[in-house]
Amino acid sequence: MEIFYAIWITGSFFDAHVAARADVSVSVYKRETEVDFGVLKYDQDMVLQEFQEKPRIMFDVSMGIYCLAKRVVEKLPRGGRLRI
């Protein structure tokens, strides 16, 4: 027995995916975290170049929602699992 899951996505994420003519789009959330310690940055010779005291770092994290173009889906193997 095969089970298919469908997520109907509406709004700006899907619209942006279509407008960009992207093969794959990943929904993201901006995440900010504080490092509990000072961070050191060195050059290739291990000479200290920068020191940041407890910096706050901003990065994008995946929300686990993806859009795939039909042309990509058609190339996926049928049956079994797909690990990304």
N, C-alpha and C. Protein backbone atom coordinates (compact mmCIF):
# COMPACT_ATOMS: atom_id res chain seq x y z
N MET A 1 0.85 -1.17 0.00
CA MET A 1 0.00 0.00 0.00
C MET A 1 0.89 1.24 0.00
N GLU A 2 0.61 2.17 -0.89
CA GLU A 2 1.34 3.43 -0.94
C GLU A 2 0.50 4.52 -0.32
N ILE A 3 1.14 5.36 0.44
CA ILE A 3 0.45 6.49 1.06
C ILE A 3 1.05 7.77 0.51
N PHE A 4 0.21 8.64 0.06
CA PHE A 4 0.66 9.92 -0.49
C PHE A 4 0.20 11.04 0.43
N TYR A 5 1.09 11.97 0.69
CA TYR A 5 0.76 13.13 1.49
C TYR A 5 0.79 14.36 0.60
N ALA A 6 -0.20 15.19 0.73
CA ALA A 6 -0.25 16.42 -0.05
C ALA A 6 -0.43 17.60 0.89
N ILE A 7 0.35 18.61 0.68
CA ILE A 7 0.20 19.84 1.44
C ILE A 7 -0.16 20.93 0.44
N TRP A 8 -1.30 21.52 0.62
CA TRP A 8 -1.72 22.61 -0.26
C TRP A 8 -1.21 23.91 0.33
N ILE A 9 -0.37 24.57 -0.42
CA ILE A 9 0.26 25.79 0.05
C ILE A 9 -0.30 26.97 -0.75
N THR A 10 -0.74 27.97 -0.04
CA THR A 10 -1.25 29.16 -0.71
C THR A 10 -0.50 30.37 -0.20
N GLY A 11 -0.64 31.45 -0.90
CA GLY A 11 -0.05 32.70 -0.44
C GLY A 11 1.32 32.96 -1.00
N SER A 12 2.06 33.82 -0.33
CA SER A 12 3.28 34.36 -0.89
C SER A 12 4.39 33.33 -1.09
N PHE A 13 4.50 32.31 -0.25
CA PHE A 13 5.55 31.31 -0.42
C PHE A 13 5.39 30.59 -1.76
N PHE A 14 4.20 30.09 -2.01
CA PHE A 14 3.95 29.40 -3.27
C PHE A 14 4.06 30.36 -4.46
N ASP A 15 3.51 31.56 -4.31
CA ASP A 15 3.57 32.55 -5.40
C ASP A 15 5.01 32.90 -5.74
N ALA A 16 5.85 33.07 -4.71
CA ALA A 16 7.26 33.38 -4.94
C ALA A 16 7.97 32.22 -5.63
N HIS A 17 7.63 31.00 -5.26
CA HIS A 17 8.21 29.81 -5.89
C HIS A 17 7.89 29.78 -7.38
N VAL A 18 6.64 30.02 -7.70
CA VAL A 18 6.21 30.00 -9.10
C VAL A 18 6.85 31.16 -9.87
N ALA A 19 6.83 32.35 -9.29
CA ALA A 19 7.38 33.53 -9.97
C ALA A 19 8.88 33.38 -10.25
N ALA A 20 9.59 32.72 -9.35
CA ALA A 20 11.03 32.53 -9.52
C ALA A 20 11.35 31.40 -10.50
N ARG A 21 10.35 30.63 -10.86
CA ARG A 21 10.54 29.45 -11.71
C ARG A 21 11.60 28.53 -11.12
N ALA A 22 11.55 28.43 -9.80
CA ALA A 22 12.54 27.63 -9.07
C ALA A 22 12.27 26.15 -9.20
N ASP A 23 13.32 25.36 -9.13
CA ASP A 23 13.16 23.90 -9.09
C ASP A 23 12.67 23.47 -7.71
N VAL A 24 13.30 24.04 -6.68
CA VAL A 24 12.95 23.70 -5.30
C VAL A 24 12.98 24.98 -4.47
N SER A 25 11.98 25.17 -3.62
CA SER A 25 11.96 26.28 -2.67
C SER A 25 11.82 25.70 -1.27
N VAL A 26 12.52 26.31 -0.33
CA VAL A 26 12.51 25.87 1.06
C VAL A 26 11.98 27.03 1.90
N SER A 27 10.96 26.77 2.71
CA SER A 27 10.46 27.82 3.60
C SER A 27 11.44 27.97 4.76
N VAL A 28 11.72 29.21 5.11
CA VAL A 28 12.70 29.48 6.16
C VAL A 28 12.15 30.45 7.18
N TYR A 29 12.75 30.40 8.34
CA TYR A 29 12.42 31.30 9.44
C TYR A 29 13.72 31.92 9.92
N LYS A 30 13.75 33.21 10.11
CA LYS A 30 14.94 33.88 10.62
C LYS A 30 15.05 33.59 12.11
N ARG A 31 16.21 33.11 12.51
CA ARG A 31 16.44 32.74 13.90
C ARG A 31 17.66 33.49 14.42
N GLU A 32 17.54 34.03 15.61
CA GLU A 32 18.65 34.73 16.23
C GLU A 32 19.00 34.02 17.53
N THR A 33 20.28 33.82 17.75
CA THR A 33 20.72 33.18 18.98
C THR A 33 21.93 33.90 19.53
N GLU A 34 22.09 33.85 20.83
CA GLU A 34 23.24 34.48 21.46
C GLU A 34 24.24 33.40 21.85
N VAL A 35 25.50 33.62 21.48
CA VAL A 35 26.57 32.72 21.90
C VAL A 35 26.93 33.09 23.33
N ASP A 36 27.03 32.11 24.19
CA ASP A 36 27.25 32.36 25.62
C ASP A 36 28.66 32.83 25.97
N PHE A 37 29.58 32.73 25.02
CA PHE A 37 30.98 33.05 25.30
C PHE A 37 31.50 34.02 24.24
N GLY A 38 32.68 34.57 24.48
CA GLY A 38 33.34 35.39 23.48
C GLY A 38 33.80 34.52 22.32
N VAL A 39 33.72 35.05 21.11
CA VAL A 39 34.09 34.30 19.91
C VAL A 39 35.35 34.92 19.32
N LEU A 40 36.33 34.06 19.02
CA LEU A 40 37.60 34.49 18.46
C LEU A 40 37.67 34.11 16.99
N LYS A 41 38.21 35.02 16.16
CA LYS A 41 38.41 34.73 14.75
C LYS A 41 39.89 34.95 14.43
N TYR A 42 40.48 33.95 13.75
CA TYR A 42 41.90 33.96 13.42
C TYR A 42 42.10 34.00 11.92
N ASP A 43 43.30 34.41 11.49
CA ASP A 43 43.64 34.31 10.08
C ASP A 43 44.28 32.93 9.84
N GLN A 44 44.82 32.70 8.64
CA GLN A 44 45.39 31.40 8.29
C GLN A 44 46.60 31.03 9.16
N ASP A 45 47.28 32.05 9.68
CA ASP A 45 48.47 31.80 10.52
C ASP A 45 48.12 31.74 12.00
N MET A 46 46.83 31.66 12.30
CA MET A 46 46.32 31.58 13.67
C MET A 46 46.63 32.84 14.48
N VAL A 47 46.71 33.99 13.79
CA VAL A 47 46.86 35.27 14.46
C VAL A 47 45.46 35.82 14.70
N LEU A 48 45.18 36.19 15.93
CA LEU A 48 43.87 36.70 16.29
C LEU A 48 43.54 37.94 15.46
N GLN A 49 42.39 37.92 14.80
CA GLN A 49 41.96 39.04 13.98
C GLN A 49 40.78 39.79 14.57
N GLU A 50 39.97 39.06 15.34
CA GLU A 50 38.75 39.68 15.86
C GLU A 50 38.29 38.94 17.11
N PHE A 51 37.70 39.69 18.01
CA PHE A 51 37.10 39.12 19.22
C PHE A 51 35.72 39.74 19.38
N GLN A 52 34.72 38.90 19.52
CA GLN A 52 33.35 39.38 19.73
C GLN A 52 32.85 38.81 21.06
N GLU A 53 32.46 39.68 21.95
CA GLU A 53 31.95 39.25 23.26
C GLU A 53 30.48 38.87 23.14
N LYS A 54 30.18 37.61 23.37
CA LYS A 54 28.80 37.10 23.34
C LYS A 54 27.99 37.64 22.16
N PRO A 55 28.42 37.32 20.95
CA PRO A 55 27.71 37.87 19.78
C PRO A 55 26.32 37.25 19.61
N ARG A 56 25.46 38.01 18.98
CA ARG A 56 24.15 37.50 18.57
C ARG A 56 24.28 37.16 17.09
N ILE A 57 23.87 35.96 16.73
CA ILE A 57 24.02 35.48 15.36
C ILE A 57 22.64 35.26 14.76
N MET A 58 22.44 35.79 13.56
CA MET A 58 21.18 35.62 12.83
C MET A 58 21.42 34.63 11.68
N PHE A 59 20.51 33.69 11.54
CA PHE A 59 20.62 32.73 10.44
C PHE A 59 19.23 32.24 10.07
N ASP A 60 19.13 31.61 8.92
CA ASP A 60 17.87 31.05 8.44
C ASP A 60 17.80 29.57 8.81
N VAL A 61 16.65 29.13 9.29
CA VAL A 61 16.43 27.71 9.57
C VAL A 61 15.26 27.21 8.73
N SER A 62 15.31 25.96 8.35
CA SER A 62 14.24 25.37 7.55
C SER A 62 13.01 25.14 8.41
N MET A 63 11.84 25.47 7.85
CA MET A 63 10.57 25.21 8.53
C MET A 63 10.00 23.84 8.15
N GLY A 64 10.69 23.15 7.23
CA GLY A 64 10.23 21.82 6.84
C GLY A 64 9.13 21.84 5.80
N ILE A 65 8.93 22.97 5.14
CA ILE A 65 7.92 23.07 4.07
C ILE A 65 8.66 23.37 2.78
N TYR A 66 8.40 22.57 1.76
CA TYR A 66 9.12 22.68 0.50
C TYR A 66 8.13 22.75 -0.67
N CYS A 67 8.54 23.43 -1.72
CA CYS A 67 7.81 23.41 -2.99
C CYS A 67 8.76 22.84 -4.03
N LEU A 68 8.28 21.88 -4.79
CA LEU A 68 9.07 21.30 -5.87
C LEU A 68 8.32 21.51 -7.17
N ALA A 69 9.05 21.92 -8.19
CA ALA A 69 8.45 22.08 -9.51
C ALA A 69 8.02 20.70 -10.03
N LYS A 70 6.98 20.69 -10.83
CA LYS A 70 6.47 19.43 -11.37
C LYS A 70 7.57 18.67 -12.11
N ARG A 71 8.43 19.41 -12.82
CA ARG A 71 9.52 18.75 -13.57
C ARG A 71 10.49 18.03 -12.64
N VAL A 72 10.62 18.50 -11.40
CA VAL A 72 11.48 17.84 -10.42
C VAL A 72 10.78 16.60 -9.87
N VAL A 73 9.51 16.75 -9.53
CA VAL A 73 8.74 15.63 -8.98
C VAL A 73 8.71 14.47 -9.97
N GLU A 74 8.58 14.78 -11.23
CA GLU A 74 8.52 13.73 -12.26
C GLU A 74 9.82 12.94 -12.35
N LYS A 75 10.93 13.50 -11.89
CA LYS A 75 12.23 12.81 -11.94
C LYS A 75 12.50 11.97 -10.69
N LEU A 76 11.65 12.10 -9.67
CA LEU A 76 11.86 11.35 -8.44
C LEU A 76 11.51 9.88 -8.65
N PRO A 77 12.26 8.98 -7.99
CA PRO A 77 11.94 7.56 -8.11
C PRO A 77 10.58 7.26 -7.49
N ARG A 78 9.85 6.38 -8.12
CA ARG A 78 8.52 6.01 -7.61
C ARG A 78 8.66 4.90 -6.58
N GLY A 79 7.86 5.03 -5.52
CA GLY A 79 7.92 4.03 -4.47
C GLY A 79 9.15 4.23 -3.60
N GLY A 80 9.15 3.64 -2.45
CA GLY A 80 10.31 3.76 -1.56
C GLY A 80 10.38 5.11 -0.89
N ARG A 81 11.52 5.38 -0.30
CA ARG A 81 11.71 6.61 0.45
C ARG A 81 12.75 7.48 -0.26
N LEU A 82 12.61 8.74 -0.04
CA LEU A 82 13.58 9.69 -0.57
C LEU A 82 14.14 10.47 0.61
N ARG A 83 15.44 10.44 0.75
CA ARG A 83 16.09 11.19 1.84
C ARG A 83 16.75 12.42 1.24
N ILE A 84 16.48 13.55 1.88
CA ILE A 84 17.06 14.80 1.37
C ILE A 84 18.13 15.27 2.32
